[in-house]
N, C-alpha and C. Protein backbone atom coordinates (compact mmCIF):
# COMPACT_ATOMS: atom_id res chain seq x y z
N MET A 1 14.17 22.10 5.53
CA MET A 1 13.68 20.77 5.91
C MET A 1 13.46 20.71 7.42
N GLU A 2 12.37 20.06 7.80
CA GLU A 2 12.06 19.97 9.22
C GLU A 2 12.96 18.93 9.90
N THR A 3 13.50 19.29 11.06
CA THR A 3 14.34 18.37 11.83
C THR A 3 13.91 18.40 13.29
N ASN A 4 14.41 17.41 14.04
CA ASN A 4 14.08 17.31 15.47
C ASN A 4 12.57 17.38 15.70
N LEU A 5 11.86 16.60 14.92
CA LEU A 5 10.40 16.59 15.00
C LEU A 5 9.95 15.83 16.25
N LYS A 6 8.79 16.22 16.76
CA LYS A 6 8.22 15.49 17.89
C LYS A 6 7.91 14.06 17.48
N TYR A 7 7.30 13.92 16.31
CA TYR A 7 7.01 12.60 15.73
C TYR A 7 7.34 12.64 14.24
N PRO A 8 7.60 11.50 13.64
CA PRO A 8 7.78 11.48 12.18
C PRO A 8 6.54 12.03 11.49
N VAL A 9 6.75 12.60 10.31
CA VAL A 9 5.66 13.19 9.54
C VAL A 9 5.38 12.31 8.32
N LEU A 10 4.11 11.95 8.13
CA LEU A 10 3.71 11.15 6.98
C LEU A 10 2.81 11.96 6.07
N TYR A 11 3.27 12.22 4.86
CA TYR A 11 2.41 12.79 3.82
C TYR A 11 1.72 11.62 3.11
N THR A 12 0.41 11.69 3.03
CA THR A 12 -0.34 10.56 2.52
C THR A 12 -1.56 11.03 1.74
N PHE A 13 -2.12 10.14 0.97
CA PHE A 13 -3.38 10.37 0.26
C PHE A 13 -4.21 9.11 0.45
N ARG A 14 -5.39 9.26 0.96
CA ARG A 14 -6.18 8.14 1.45
C ARG A 14 -6.31 6.98 0.45
N ARG A 15 -6.57 7.29 -0.81
CA ARG A 15 -6.88 6.23 -1.77
C ARG A 15 -5.66 5.68 -2.51
N CYS A 16 -4.50 6.28 -2.32
CA CYS A 16 -3.31 5.81 -3.02
C CYS A 16 -2.87 4.45 -2.49
N PRO A 17 -2.72 3.44 -3.35
CA PRO A 17 -2.33 2.11 -2.87
C PRO A 17 -0.95 2.08 -2.21
N TYR A 18 -0.03 2.89 -2.69
CA TYR A 18 1.30 2.94 -2.08
C TYR A 18 1.21 3.53 -0.67
N ALA A 19 0.42 4.57 -0.52
CA ALA A 19 0.23 5.17 0.80
C ALA A 19 -0.52 4.23 1.72
N MET A 20 -1.45 3.47 1.18
CA MET A 20 -2.21 2.52 2.00
C MET A 20 -1.28 1.50 2.64
N ARG A 21 -0.36 0.96 1.84
CA ARG A 21 0.48 -0.09 2.43
C ARG A 21 1.46 0.47 3.44
N ALA A 22 1.87 1.72 3.24
CA ALA A 22 2.72 2.37 4.26
C ALA A 22 1.93 2.57 5.56
N ARG A 23 0.67 2.97 5.44
CA ARG A 23 -0.15 3.17 6.64
C ARG A 23 -0.40 1.84 7.35
N PHE A 24 -0.59 0.77 6.60
CA PHE A 24 -0.73 -0.55 7.21
C PHE A 24 0.48 -0.85 8.10
N ALA A 25 1.68 -0.59 7.60
CA ALA A 25 2.90 -0.90 8.35
C ALA A 25 3.04 -0.02 9.57
N ILE A 26 2.71 1.27 9.44
CA ILE A 26 2.78 2.18 10.58
C ILE A 26 1.80 1.75 11.66
N ARG A 27 0.61 1.35 11.24
CA ARG A 27 -0.38 0.86 12.21
C ARG A 27 0.16 -0.39 12.92
N SER A 28 0.69 -1.33 12.15
CA SER A 28 1.18 -2.58 12.75
C SER A 28 2.33 -2.32 13.71
N SER A 29 3.21 -1.38 13.35
CA SER A 29 4.38 -1.09 14.19
C SER A 29 4.04 -0.22 15.39
N GLN A 30 2.84 0.37 15.38
CA GLN A 30 2.35 1.20 16.49
C GLN A 30 3.22 2.44 16.70
N ILE A 31 3.77 2.96 15.60
CA ILE A 31 4.57 4.17 15.65
C ILE A 31 3.66 5.37 15.40
N ILE A 32 3.70 6.32 16.30
CA ILE A 32 2.89 7.54 16.14
C ILE A 32 3.55 8.45 15.11
N VAL A 33 2.75 8.94 14.17
CA VAL A 33 3.24 9.88 13.17
C VAL A 33 2.31 11.09 13.12
N GLU A 34 2.83 12.18 12.60
CA GLU A 34 1.96 13.31 12.27
C GLU A 34 1.41 13.05 10.87
N VAL A 35 0.10 12.95 10.77
CA VAL A 35 -0.55 12.63 9.50
C VAL A 35 -0.86 13.92 8.73
N ARG A 36 -0.34 13.99 7.52
CA ARG A 36 -0.63 15.12 6.65
C ARG A 36 -1.29 14.60 5.37
N GLU A 37 -2.60 14.65 5.36
CA GLU A 37 -3.38 14.21 4.19
C GLU A 37 -3.37 15.31 3.14
N ILE A 38 -2.93 14.95 1.93
CA ILE A 38 -2.89 15.95 0.86
C ILE A 38 -3.75 15.49 -0.32
N LYS A 39 -4.06 16.44 -1.18
CA LYS A 39 -4.72 16.13 -2.44
C LYS A 39 -3.66 16.18 -3.53
N LEU A 40 -3.63 15.16 -4.37
CA LEU A 40 -2.60 15.09 -5.39
C LEU A 40 -2.78 16.17 -6.45
N GLN A 41 -4.00 16.73 -6.54
CA GLN A 41 -4.24 17.82 -7.49
C GLN A 41 -3.86 19.17 -6.89
N GLU A 42 -3.60 19.20 -5.58
CA GLU A 42 -3.26 20.45 -4.90
C GLU A 42 -2.06 20.22 -3.98
N LYS A 43 -0.95 19.81 -4.54
CA LYS A 43 0.21 19.44 -3.73
C LYS A 43 0.81 20.68 -3.07
N PRO A 44 0.95 20.65 -1.75
CA PRO A 44 1.52 21.81 -1.05
C PRO A 44 2.98 22.04 -1.43
N SER A 45 3.39 23.29 -1.45
CA SER A 45 4.78 23.61 -1.80
C SER A 45 5.74 22.99 -0.80
N GLU A 46 5.35 22.92 0.48
CA GLU A 46 6.20 22.30 1.50
C GLU A 46 6.48 20.84 1.16
N PHE A 47 5.47 20.17 0.65
CA PHE A 47 5.61 18.77 0.27
C PHE A 47 6.53 18.62 -0.94
N LEU A 48 6.36 19.47 -1.94
CA LEU A 48 7.16 19.37 -3.16
C LEU A 48 8.62 19.74 -2.92
N LYS A 49 8.88 20.58 -1.94
CA LYS A 49 10.27 20.90 -1.60
C LYS A 49 10.97 19.67 -1.03
N LEU A 50 10.24 18.89 -0.27
CA LEU A 50 10.79 17.68 0.33
C LEU A 50 10.96 16.58 -0.72
N SER A 51 9.98 16.47 -1.61
CA SER A 51 9.95 15.38 -2.58
C SER A 51 9.46 15.91 -3.92
N PRO A 52 10.37 16.43 -4.73
CA PRO A 52 9.98 17.07 -5.99
C PRO A 52 9.20 16.17 -6.94
N LYS A 53 9.35 14.85 -6.82
CA LYS A 53 8.60 13.96 -7.72
C LYS A 53 7.11 13.99 -7.42
N GLY A 54 6.73 14.42 -6.23
CA GLY A 54 5.33 14.70 -5.94
C GLY A 54 4.43 13.51 -5.77
N THR A 55 4.97 12.37 -5.36
CA THR A 55 4.14 11.19 -5.12
C THR A 55 4.12 10.86 -3.63
N VAL A 56 3.07 10.18 -3.22
CA VAL A 56 2.95 9.72 -1.84
C VAL A 56 3.09 8.20 -1.80
N PRO A 57 3.48 7.69 -0.63
CA PRO A 57 3.72 8.37 0.64
C PRO A 57 5.13 8.96 0.70
N VAL A 58 5.28 9.94 1.58
CA VAL A 58 6.59 10.48 1.94
C VAL A 58 6.62 10.58 3.45
N LEU A 59 7.71 10.11 4.05
CA LEU A 59 7.85 10.17 5.50
C LEU A 59 9.12 10.91 5.87
N ILE A 60 8.99 11.84 6.81
CA ILE A 60 10.15 12.54 7.38
C ILE A 60 10.39 11.95 8.76
N THR A 61 11.55 11.38 8.98
CA THR A 61 11.87 10.81 10.29
C THR A 61 12.16 11.93 11.29
N ASN A 62 12.28 11.57 12.55
CA ASN A 62 12.57 12.57 13.59
C ASN A 62 13.85 13.34 13.31
N SER A 63 14.81 12.68 12.68
CA SER A 63 16.10 13.32 12.41
C SER A 63 16.09 14.14 11.13
N GLY A 64 14.98 14.08 10.37
CA GLY A 64 14.88 14.85 9.14
C GLY A 64 15.15 14.06 7.88
N GLU A 65 15.45 12.76 7.99
CA GLU A 65 15.63 11.94 6.79
C GLU A 65 14.30 11.82 6.05
N VAL A 66 14.35 11.91 4.72
CA VAL A 66 13.15 11.83 3.91
C VAL A 66 13.10 10.48 3.21
N LEU A 67 12.03 9.72 3.46
CA LEU A 67 11.80 8.43 2.80
C LEU A 67 10.68 8.63 1.79
N GLU A 68 10.98 8.36 0.51
CA GLU A 68 10.04 8.66 -0.57
C GLU A 68 9.42 7.42 -1.21
N GLU A 69 9.81 6.24 -0.76
CA GLU A 69 9.27 5.01 -1.34
C GLU A 69 8.49 4.24 -0.28
N SER A 70 7.35 3.69 -0.68
CA SER A 70 6.49 3.02 0.29
C SER A 70 7.18 1.84 0.96
N MET A 71 7.95 1.05 0.20
CA MET A 71 8.61 -0.11 0.81
C MET A 71 9.70 0.34 1.79
N ASP A 72 10.35 1.46 1.52
CA ASP A 72 11.34 1.97 2.47
C ASP A 72 10.66 2.37 3.79
N ILE A 73 9.47 2.96 3.68
CA ILE A 73 8.72 3.34 4.88
C ILE A 73 8.27 2.10 5.63
N ILE A 74 7.83 1.09 4.90
CA ILE A 74 7.39 -0.16 5.53
C ILE A 74 8.54 -0.79 6.33
N TYR A 75 9.71 -0.92 5.70
CA TYR A 75 10.84 -1.54 6.39
C TYR A 75 11.34 -0.67 7.54
N TRP A 76 11.31 0.64 7.36
CA TRP A 76 11.68 1.55 8.44
C TRP A 76 10.80 1.30 9.66
N ALA A 77 9.50 1.21 9.45
CA ALA A 77 8.57 1.01 10.56
C ALA A 77 8.75 -0.36 11.21
N LEU A 78 8.84 -1.39 10.40
CA LEU A 78 8.91 -2.76 10.94
C LEU A 78 10.24 -3.04 11.61
N ASN A 79 11.30 -2.40 11.14
CA ASN A 79 12.60 -2.59 11.80
C ASN A 79 12.65 -1.90 13.15
N LYS A 80 11.76 -0.94 13.37
CA LYS A 80 11.65 -0.32 14.69
C LYS A 80 10.79 -1.16 15.63
N ASN A 81 9.72 -1.71 15.09
CA ASN A 81 8.81 -2.50 15.94
C ASN A 81 7.97 -3.41 15.05
N ASP A 82 8.04 -4.69 15.29
CA ASP A 82 7.31 -5.66 14.46
C ASP A 82 6.53 -6.63 15.35
N PRO A 83 5.57 -6.12 16.12
CA PRO A 83 4.87 -6.97 17.09
C PRO A 83 4.04 -8.08 16.47
N HIS A 84 3.62 -7.90 15.23
CA HIS A 84 2.78 -8.90 14.58
C HIS A 84 3.56 -9.79 13.61
N LYS A 85 4.87 -9.72 13.71
CA LYS A 85 5.77 -10.63 12.97
C LYS A 85 5.56 -10.55 11.45
N TRP A 86 5.46 -9.33 10.96
CA TRP A 86 5.34 -9.16 9.52
C TRP A 86 6.59 -9.65 8.78
N LEU A 87 7.73 -9.56 9.44
CA LEU A 87 8.99 -9.93 8.81
C LEU A 87 9.37 -11.38 9.07
N ALA A 88 8.45 -12.15 9.62
CA ALA A 88 8.73 -13.56 9.93
C ALA A 88 9.04 -14.33 8.64
N ARG A 89 9.90 -15.32 8.78
CA ARG A 89 10.24 -16.18 7.64
C ARG A 89 9.05 -17.06 7.33
N GLY A 90 8.69 -17.14 6.06
CA GLY A 90 7.56 -17.95 5.64
C GLY A 90 7.99 -19.07 4.72
N LYS A 91 7.05 -19.55 3.92
CA LYS A 91 7.34 -20.68 3.05
C LYS A 91 8.13 -20.28 1.80
N LEU A 92 8.12 -18.99 1.46
CA LEU A 92 8.84 -18.53 0.28
C LEU A 92 10.26 -18.12 0.65
N GLU A 93 11.17 -18.38 -0.25
CA GLU A 93 12.55 -17.92 -0.07
C GLU A 93 12.61 -16.41 -0.25
N ASN A 94 13.64 -15.80 0.31
CA ASN A 94 13.75 -14.34 0.24
C ASN A 94 13.72 -13.82 -1.18
N GLN A 95 14.38 -14.53 -2.10
CA GLN A 95 14.39 -14.07 -3.49
C GLN A 95 13.01 -14.17 -4.12
N ASP A 96 12.21 -15.14 -3.67
CA ASP A 96 10.84 -15.27 -4.18
C ASP A 96 9.94 -14.15 -3.66
N VAL A 97 10.19 -13.76 -2.41
CA VAL A 97 9.44 -12.63 -1.83
C VAL A 97 9.76 -11.36 -2.62
N ARG A 98 11.04 -11.12 -2.86
CA ARG A 98 11.45 -9.93 -3.61
C ARG A 98 10.88 -9.95 -5.02
N LYS A 99 10.87 -11.14 -5.65
CA LYS A 99 10.36 -11.27 -7.02
C LYS A 99 8.87 -10.96 -7.06
N LEU A 100 8.12 -11.44 -6.08
CA LEU A 100 6.68 -11.21 -6.06
C LEU A 100 6.37 -9.73 -5.86
N LEU A 101 7.10 -9.10 -4.94
CA LEU A 101 6.92 -7.66 -4.72
C LEU A 101 7.27 -6.87 -5.99
N ASP A 102 8.36 -7.26 -6.62
CA ASP A 102 8.78 -6.58 -7.84
C ASP A 102 7.76 -6.76 -8.96
N ASP A 103 7.20 -7.96 -9.09
CA ASP A 103 6.20 -8.22 -10.12
C ASP A 103 4.96 -7.36 -9.93
N PHE A 104 4.53 -7.20 -8.69
CA PHE A 104 3.32 -6.40 -8.45
C PHE A 104 3.59 -4.92 -8.63
N ASP A 105 4.79 -4.48 -8.29
CA ASP A 105 5.11 -3.06 -8.45
C ASP A 105 5.37 -2.70 -9.92
N ASN A 106 6.05 -3.56 -10.63
CA ASN A 106 6.55 -3.20 -11.95
C ASN A 106 5.86 -3.89 -13.12
N LYS A 107 4.98 -4.84 -12.84
CA LYS A 107 4.22 -5.50 -13.91
C LYS A 107 2.71 -5.39 -13.66
N PHE A 108 2.28 -5.85 -12.49
CA PHE A 108 0.85 -5.80 -12.18
C PHE A 108 0.33 -4.37 -12.17
N LYS A 109 1.04 -3.45 -11.49
CA LYS A 109 0.56 -2.07 -11.36
C LYS A 109 0.49 -1.36 -12.72
N PRO A 110 1.49 -1.46 -13.60
CA PRO A 110 1.34 -0.84 -14.92
C PRO A 110 0.16 -1.39 -15.71
N ASN A 111 -0.05 -2.70 -15.64
CA ASN A 111 -1.23 -3.28 -16.30
C ASN A 111 -2.52 -2.74 -15.69
N LEU A 112 -2.53 -2.65 -14.38
CA LEU A 112 -3.70 -2.11 -13.67
C LEU A 112 -4.00 -0.69 -14.13
N ASP A 113 -2.99 0.15 -14.25
CA ASP A 113 -3.20 1.53 -14.66
C ASP A 113 -3.78 1.61 -16.07
N LYS A 114 -3.31 0.75 -16.97
CA LYS A 114 -3.83 0.77 -18.34
C LYS A 114 -5.24 0.19 -18.41
N TYR A 115 -5.55 -0.70 -17.51
CA TYR A 115 -6.91 -1.25 -17.41
C TYR A 115 -7.86 -0.21 -16.81
N LYS A 116 -7.42 0.47 -15.77
CA LYS A 116 -8.28 1.41 -15.06
C LYS A 116 -8.41 2.75 -15.79
N TYR A 117 -7.32 3.18 -16.44
CA TYR A 117 -7.32 4.50 -17.08
C TYR A 117 -6.95 4.37 -18.56
N PRO A 118 -7.72 3.65 -19.36
CA PRO A 118 -7.33 3.43 -20.77
C PRO A 118 -7.30 4.70 -21.60
N SER A 119 -8.07 5.71 -21.21
CA SER A 119 -8.14 6.94 -22.00
C SER A 119 -6.87 7.78 -21.88
N ARG A 120 -6.02 7.46 -20.90
CA ARG A 120 -4.81 8.26 -20.70
C ARG A 120 -3.72 7.96 -21.72
N ILE A 121 -3.81 6.79 -22.37
CA ILE A 121 -2.81 6.41 -23.36
C ILE A 121 -3.54 6.00 -24.64
N SER A 122 -3.22 6.63 -25.72
CA SER A 122 -3.89 6.34 -26.98
C SER A 122 -3.63 4.90 -27.44
N GLY A 123 -4.68 4.24 -27.88
CA GLY A 123 -4.55 2.90 -28.47
C GLY A 123 -4.42 1.77 -27.48
N VAL A 124 -4.64 2.02 -26.20
CA VAL A 124 -4.50 0.98 -25.18
C VAL A 124 -5.73 0.08 -25.18
N ASP A 125 -5.48 -1.24 -25.17
CA ASP A 125 -6.55 -2.22 -25.04
C ASP A 125 -6.65 -2.58 -23.55
N GLN A 126 -7.61 -1.97 -22.85
CA GLN A 126 -7.67 -2.15 -21.40
C GLN A 126 -7.89 -3.61 -21.02
N TYR A 127 -8.61 -4.37 -21.82
CA TYR A 127 -8.91 -5.75 -21.46
C TYR A 127 -7.71 -6.67 -21.67
N LEU A 128 -6.86 -6.30 -22.60
CA LEU A 128 -5.60 -7.04 -22.76
C LEU A 128 -4.78 -6.92 -21.49
N HIS A 129 -4.67 -5.72 -20.95
CA HIS A 129 -3.89 -5.51 -19.73
C HIS A 129 -4.60 -6.08 -18.51
N ARG A 130 -5.92 -6.03 -18.49
CA ARG A 130 -6.67 -6.69 -17.41
C ARG A 130 -6.33 -8.17 -17.38
N ASP A 131 -6.39 -8.81 -18.54
CA ASP A 131 -6.19 -10.26 -18.60
C ASP A 131 -4.74 -10.66 -18.35
N LYS A 132 -3.80 -9.77 -18.64
CA LYS A 132 -2.40 -10.06 -18.31
C LYS A 132 -2.21 -10.24 -16.81
N ASN A 133 -3.00 -9.53 -16.03
CA ASN A 133 -2.85 -9.60 -14.58
C ASN A 133 -3.45 -10.86 -13.98
N LEU A 134 -4.20 -11.60 -14.76
CA LEU A 134 -4.76 -12.86 -14.23
C LEU A 134 -3.66 -13.85 -13.88
N TYR A 135 -2.54 -13.77 -14.58
CA TYR A 135 -1.40 -14.63 -14.26
C TYR A 135 -0.95 -14.43 -12.82
N PHE A 136 -0.84 -13.17 -12.41
CA PHE A 136 -0.37 -12.87 -11.05
C PHE A 136 -1.44 -13.23 -10.01
N LEU A 137 -2.70 -13.04 -10.35
CA LEU A 137 -3.77 -13.40 -9.41
C LEU A 137 -3.85 -14.92 -9.23
N LYS A 138 -3.63 -15.63 -10.31
CA LYS A 138 -3.62 -17.11 -10.22
C LYS A 138 -2.49 -17.58 -9.31
N LYS A 139 -1.34 -16.94 -9.42
CA LYS A 139 -0.20 -17.28 -8.57
C LYS A 139 -0.53 -17.00 -7.10
N LEU A 140 -1.13 -15.83 -6.83
CA LEU A 140 -1.53 -15.50 -5.47
C LEU A 140 -2.51 -16.52 -4.93
N ASN A 141 -3.50 -16.89 -5.73
CA ASN A 141 -4.51 -17.84 -5.29
C ASN A 141 -3.87 -19.17 -4.89
N SER A 142 -2.86 -19.59 -5.64
CA SER A 142 -2.19 -20.86 -5.32
C SER A 142 -1.38 -20.74 -4.03
N TYR A 143 -0.77 -19.58 -3.78
CA TYR A 143 -0.02 -19.39 -2.55
C TYR A 143 -0.94 -19.42 -1.33
N ILE A 144 -2.12 -18.84 -1.49
CA ILE A 144 -3.04 -18.70 -0.36
C ILE A 144 -3.82 -19.99 -0.09
N GLU A 145 -3.79 -20.92 -1.01
CA GLU A 145 -4.64 -22.11 -0.94
C GLU A 145 -4.53 -22.85 0.39
N ASN A 146 -3.34 -22.96 0.94
CA ASN A 146 -3.15 -23.73 2.18
C ASN A 146 -2.98 -22.86 3.41
N ASN A 147 -3.11 -21.56 3.26
CA ASN A 147 -2.97 -20.64 4.38
C ASN A 147 -3.99 -19.52 4.25
N LYS A 148 -4.05 -18.68 5.27
CA LYS A 148 -4.88 -17.48 5.18
C LYS A 148 -4.10 -16.32 4.58
N SER A 149 -2.85 -16.58 4.23
CA SER A 149 -1.99 -15.50 3.77
C SER A 149 -1.09 -15.99 2.63
N VAL A 150 -0.34 -15.08 2.04
CA VAL A 150 0.48 -15.40 0.88
C VAL A 150 1.71 -16.21 1.26
N ASN A 151 2.35 -15.86 2.38
CA ASN A 151 3.65 -16.44 2.70
C ASN A 151 3.71 -17.15 4.04
N CYS A 152 3.07 -16.59 5.05
CA CYS A 152 3.16 -17.13 6.41
C CYS A 152 1.83 -17.75 6.82
N GLU A 153 1.79 -18.22 8.07
CA GLU A 153 0.53 -18.73 8.61
C GLU A 153 -0.36 -17.57 9.06
N HIS A 154 0.18 -16.37 9.01
CA HIS A 154 -0.59 -15.18 9.37
C HIS A 154 -0.31 -14.12 8.32
N LEU A 155 -1.13 -13.09 8.26
CA LEU A 155 -0.91 -11.99 7.33
C LEU A 155 0.40 -11.30 7.66
N SER A 156 1.18 -10.99 6.64
CA SER A 156 2.50 -10.41 6.86
C SER A 156 2.79 -9.37 5.79
N ILE A 157 4.06 -9.01 5.65
CA ILE A 157 4.45 -7.92 4.78
C ILE A 157 3.97 -8.12 3.34
N LEU A 158 4.06 -9.32 2.82
CA LEU A 158 3.64 -9.57 1.44
C LEU A 158 2.16 -9.27 1.25
N ASP A 159 1.34 -9.73 2.19
CA ASP A 159 -0.10 -9.53 2.07
C ASP A 159 -0.45 -8.05 2.02
N TYR A 160 0.08 -7.30 2.97
CA TYR A 160 -0.29 -5.90 3.07
C TYR A 160 0.36 -5.04 1.99
N ALA A 161 1.49 -5.47 1.45
CA ALA A 161 2.14 -4.72 0.37
C ALA A 161 1.43 -4.93 -0.96
N ILE A 162 0.84 -6.10 -1.16
CA ILE A 162 0.19 -6.44 -2.43
C ILE A 162 -1.29 -6.09 -2.43
N PHE A 163 -1.94 -6.26 -1.29
CA PHE A 163 -3.39 -6.10 -1.20
C PHE A 163 -3.93 -4.81 -1.83
N PRO A 164 -3.34 -3.63 -1.58
CA PRO A 164 -3.94 -2.41 -2.14
C PRO A 164 -4.06 -2.42 -3.66
N PHE A 165 -3.12 -3.08 -4.34
CA PHE A 165 -3.18 -3.14 -5.80
C PHE A 165 -4.25 -4.13 -6.26
N VAL A 166 -4.38 -5.25 -5.55
CA VAL A 166 -5.42 -6.22 -5.90
C VAL A 166 -6.80 -5.61 -5.66
N ARG A 167 -6.94 -4.90 -4.56
CA ARG A 167 -8.21 -4.24 -4.26
C ARG A 167 -8.56 -3.22 -5.34
N GLN A 168 -7.57 -2.44 -5.76
CA GLN A 168 -7.81 -1.43 -6.80
C GLN A 168 -8.20 -2.11 -8.11
N PHE A 169 -7.55 -3.20 -8.44
CA PHE A 169 -7.88 -3.96 -9.65
C PHE A 169 -9.31 -4.48 -9.57
N ARG A 170 -9.67 -5.03 -8.42
CA ARG A 170 -11.03 -5.54 -8.21
C ARG A 170 -12.08 -4.45 -8.37
N ASN A 171 -11.77 -3.27 -7.89
CA ASN A 171 -12.76 -2.19 -7.89
C ASN A 171 -13.08 -1.63 -9.27
N VAL A 172 -12.22 -1.90 -10.25
CA VAL A 172 -12.52 -1.43 -11.62
C VAL A 172 -13.81 -2.05 -12.13
N ASP A 173 -13.98 -3.34 -11.90
CA ASP A 173 -15.20 -4.06 -12.30
C ASP A 173 -15.40 -5.20 -11.32
N GLN A 174 -15.99 -4.89 -10.18
CA GLN A 174 -16.11 -5.88 -9.11
C GLN A 174 -16.98 -7.06 -9.52
N GLU A 175 -18.02 -6.81 -10.29
CA GLU A 175 -18.91 -7.91 -10.71
C GLU A 175 -18.13 -8.92 -11.53
N TRP A 176 -17.29 -8.46 -12.46
CA TRP A 176 -16.46 -9.37 -13.26
C TRP A 176 -15.45 -10.07 -12.37
N PHE A 177 -14.79 -9.31 -11.49
CA PHE A 177 -13.74 -9.87 -10.64
C PHE A 177 -14.30 -10.96 -9.73
N ASP A 178 -15.44 -10.73 -9.14
CA ASP A 178 -15.99 -11.67 -8.17
C ASP A 178 -16.44 -12.98 -8.81
N LYS A 179 -16.52 -13.01 -10.13
CA LYS A 179 -16.88 -14.25 -10.83
C LYS A 179 -15.65 -15.08 -11.19
N LEU A 180 -14.47 -14.53 -10.96
CA LEU A 180 -13.25 -15.28 -11.24
C LEU A 180 -13.15 -16.49 -10.31
N ASN A 181 -12.62 -17.56 -10.83
CA ASN A 181 -12.54 -18.80 -10.07
C ASN A 181 -11.27 -18.83 -9.21
N PHE A 182 -11.21 -17.85 -8.30
CA PHE A 182 -10.08 -17.75 -7.38
C PHE A 182 -10.65 -17.71 -5.96
N ILE A 183 -11.15 -18.83 -5.49
CA ILE A 183 -11.88 -18.87 -4.23
C ILE A 183 -11.01 -18.44 -3.05
N PHE A 184 -9.76 -18.84 -3.05
CA PHE A 184 -8.88 -18.50 -1.91
C PHE A 184 -8.51 -17.02 -1.94
N LEU A 185 -8.31 -16.50 -3.13
CA LEU A 185 -8.00 -15.08 -3.27
C LEU A 185 -9.17 -14.22 -2.80
N HIS A 186 -10.39 -14.61 -3.15
CA HIS A 186 -11.57 -13.86 -2.70
C HIS A 186 -11.66 -13.84 -1.17
N LYS A 187 -11.40 -14.96 -0.54
CA LYS A 187 -11.45 -15.02 0.92
C LYS A 187 -10.37 -14.13 1.54
N TRP A 188 -9.20 -14.15 0.93
CA TRP A 188 -8.08 -13.33 1.40
C TRP A 188 -8.42 -11.85 1.34
N ILE A 189 -8.96 -11.42 0.21
CA ILE A 189 -9.35 -10.02 0.05
C ILE A 189 -10.37 -9.62 1.10
N ASN A 190 -11.38 -10.46 1.26
CA ASN A 190 -12.48 -10.12 2.18
C ASN A 190 -12.02 -10.08 3.64
N GLN A 191 -11.09 -10.97 4.00
CA GLN A 191 -10.64 -10.94 5.41
C GLN A 191 -9.89 -9.66 5.72
N ILE A 192 -9.19 -9.09 4.73
CA ILE A 192 -8.49 -7.83 4.97
C ILE A 192 -9.47 -6.66 4.94
N ILE A 193 -10.38 -6.65 3.97
CA ILE A 193 -11.37 -5.58 3.88
C ILE A 193 -12.23 -5.51 5.13
N ASP A 194 -12.55 -6.66 5.69
CA ASP A 194 -13.42 -6.72 6.87
C ASP A 194 -12.67 -6.50 8.18
N SER A 195 -11.38 -6.27 8.10
CA SER A 195 -10.56 -6.19 9.31
C SER A 195 -10.53 -4.78 9.89
N LYS A 196 -10.17 -4.72 11.17
CA LYS A 196 -9.96 -3.45 11.85
C LYS A 196 -8.77 -2.71 11.23
N ASP A 197 -7.78 -3.48 10.79
CA ASP A 197 -6.61 -2.86 10.15
C ASP A 197 -7.04 -1.99 8.97
N PHE A 198 -7.89 -2.53 8.12
CA PHE A 198 -8.30 -1.80 6.92
C PHE A 198 -9.16 -0.58 7.26
N SER A 199 -10.14 -0.76 8.13
CA SER A 199 -11.00 0.37 8.48
C SER A 199 -10.19 1.48 9.15
N SER A 200 -9.16 1.11 9.90
CA SER A 200 -8.34 2.11 10.59
C SER A 200 -7.47 2.91 9.62
N ILE A 201 -6.84 2.22 8.67
CA ILE A 201 -5.95 2.95 7.76
C ILE A 201 -6.72 3.73 6.70
N MET A 202 -8.03 3.46 6.57
CA MET A 202 -8.86 4.18 5.62
C MET A 202 -9.67 5.29 6.29
N LYS A 203 -9.37 5.56 7.54
CA LYS A 203 -10.03 6.66 8.23
C LYS A 203 -9.77 7.97 7.48
N LYS A 204 -10.78 8.82 7.40
CA LYS A 204 -10.65 10.08 6.68
C LYS A 204 -10.06 11.17 7.57
N PHE A 205 -9.05 11.84 7.03
CA PHE A 205 -8.47 13.02 7.67
C PHE A 205 -8.71 14.23 6.78
N LYS A 206 -8.87 15.37 7.39
CA LYS A 206 -9.07 16.58 6.59
C LYS A 206 -7.78 16.93 5.87
N GLN A 207 -7.92 17.65 4.76
CA GLN A 207 -6.76 18.05 3.98
C GLN A 207 -5.84 18.94 4.81
N TRP A 208 -4.55 18.61 4.78
CA TRP A 208 -3.57 19.32 5.60
C TRP A 208 -3.26 20.71 5.05
N LYS A 209 -3.16 21.68 5.94
CA LYS A 209 -2.72 23.02 5.62
C LYS A 209 -1.54 23.36 6.55
N PRO A 210 -0.58 24.16 6.08
CA PRO A 210 0.65 24.41 6.85
C PRO A 210 0.43 24.93 8.27
N ASN A 211 -0.61 25.69 8.52
CA ASN A 211 -0.82 26.26 9.85
C ASN A 211 -1.78 25.45 10.72
N ASP A 212 -2.14 24.27 10.26
CA ASP A 212 -3.07 23.43 11.02
C ASP A 212 -2.43 22.92 12.31
N ILE A 213 -3.26 22.66 13.30
CA ILE A 213 -2.82 21.95 14.49
C ILE A 213 -2.46 20.52 14.07
N PRO A 214 -1.28 20.02 14.42
CA PRO A 214 -0.88 18.68 13.97
C PRO A 214 -1.85 17.58 14.41
N ILE A 215 -2.02 16.60 13.55
CA ILE A 215 -2.83 15.42 13.87
C ILE A 215 -1.86 14.26 14.05
N TYR A 216 -1.83 13.71 15.27
CA TYR A 216 -0.92 12.60 15.56
C TYR A 216 -1.72 11.30 15.65
N SER A 217 -1.21 10.25 15.02
CA SER A 217 -1.94 8.99 15.01
C SER A 217 -1.01 7.86 14.61
N TYR A 218 -1.35 6.65 15.00
CA TYR A 218 -0.72 5.47 14.38
C TYR A 218 -1.82 4.62 13.73
N PHE A 219 -2.94 5.31 13.35
CA PHE A 219 -4.07 4.65 12.69
C PHE A 219 -4.67 3.58 13.59
N GLU A 220 -4.87 3.98 14.86
CA GLU A 220 -5.41 3.05 15.84
C GLU A 220 -6.89 2.81 15.58
């Protein structure tokens, strides 16, 4: 395991929603990391030794600690530096914030996968799972109605943690999605897509190889 690193190392995959939200937090916290872009179909042995489950994102801290969950990476980054007040107290109680995050990770995302990849599971009705997620989108739309964000007067941890999954859901059938009567949700999505934050964290990096010259960035 690598220790005493010059900068933390982030294993990432550009299109993965979990990796996207981790990159959002690293950008916001302005922490420089060594970016290692991998292909999930060609996982490097060095990566699998660190994290045998083989999912991204994975972050190695300077001391060699391995963080394998996107929310752990987000909190690690924001607890070091939170200049944009992602952790600010908003209108939702802490338990409501945790419940919303849990719903999107453990209910919305499984429905999304069955909607997006119906052929992977025999007998799946993709539209049933698509429509199950309308409940969560309706809730988001109501939260955003009086603000530009889900919880605070500004975009914060909830927005950036949830957005990648909503975007992925939208991209399955954008024409259908854009006809949904969620006017505030549509505005919320577009303000993030049109932002410098999004274009920065979606910057393309070449696939990492062990002998490559390190690429250091905070997704500026």
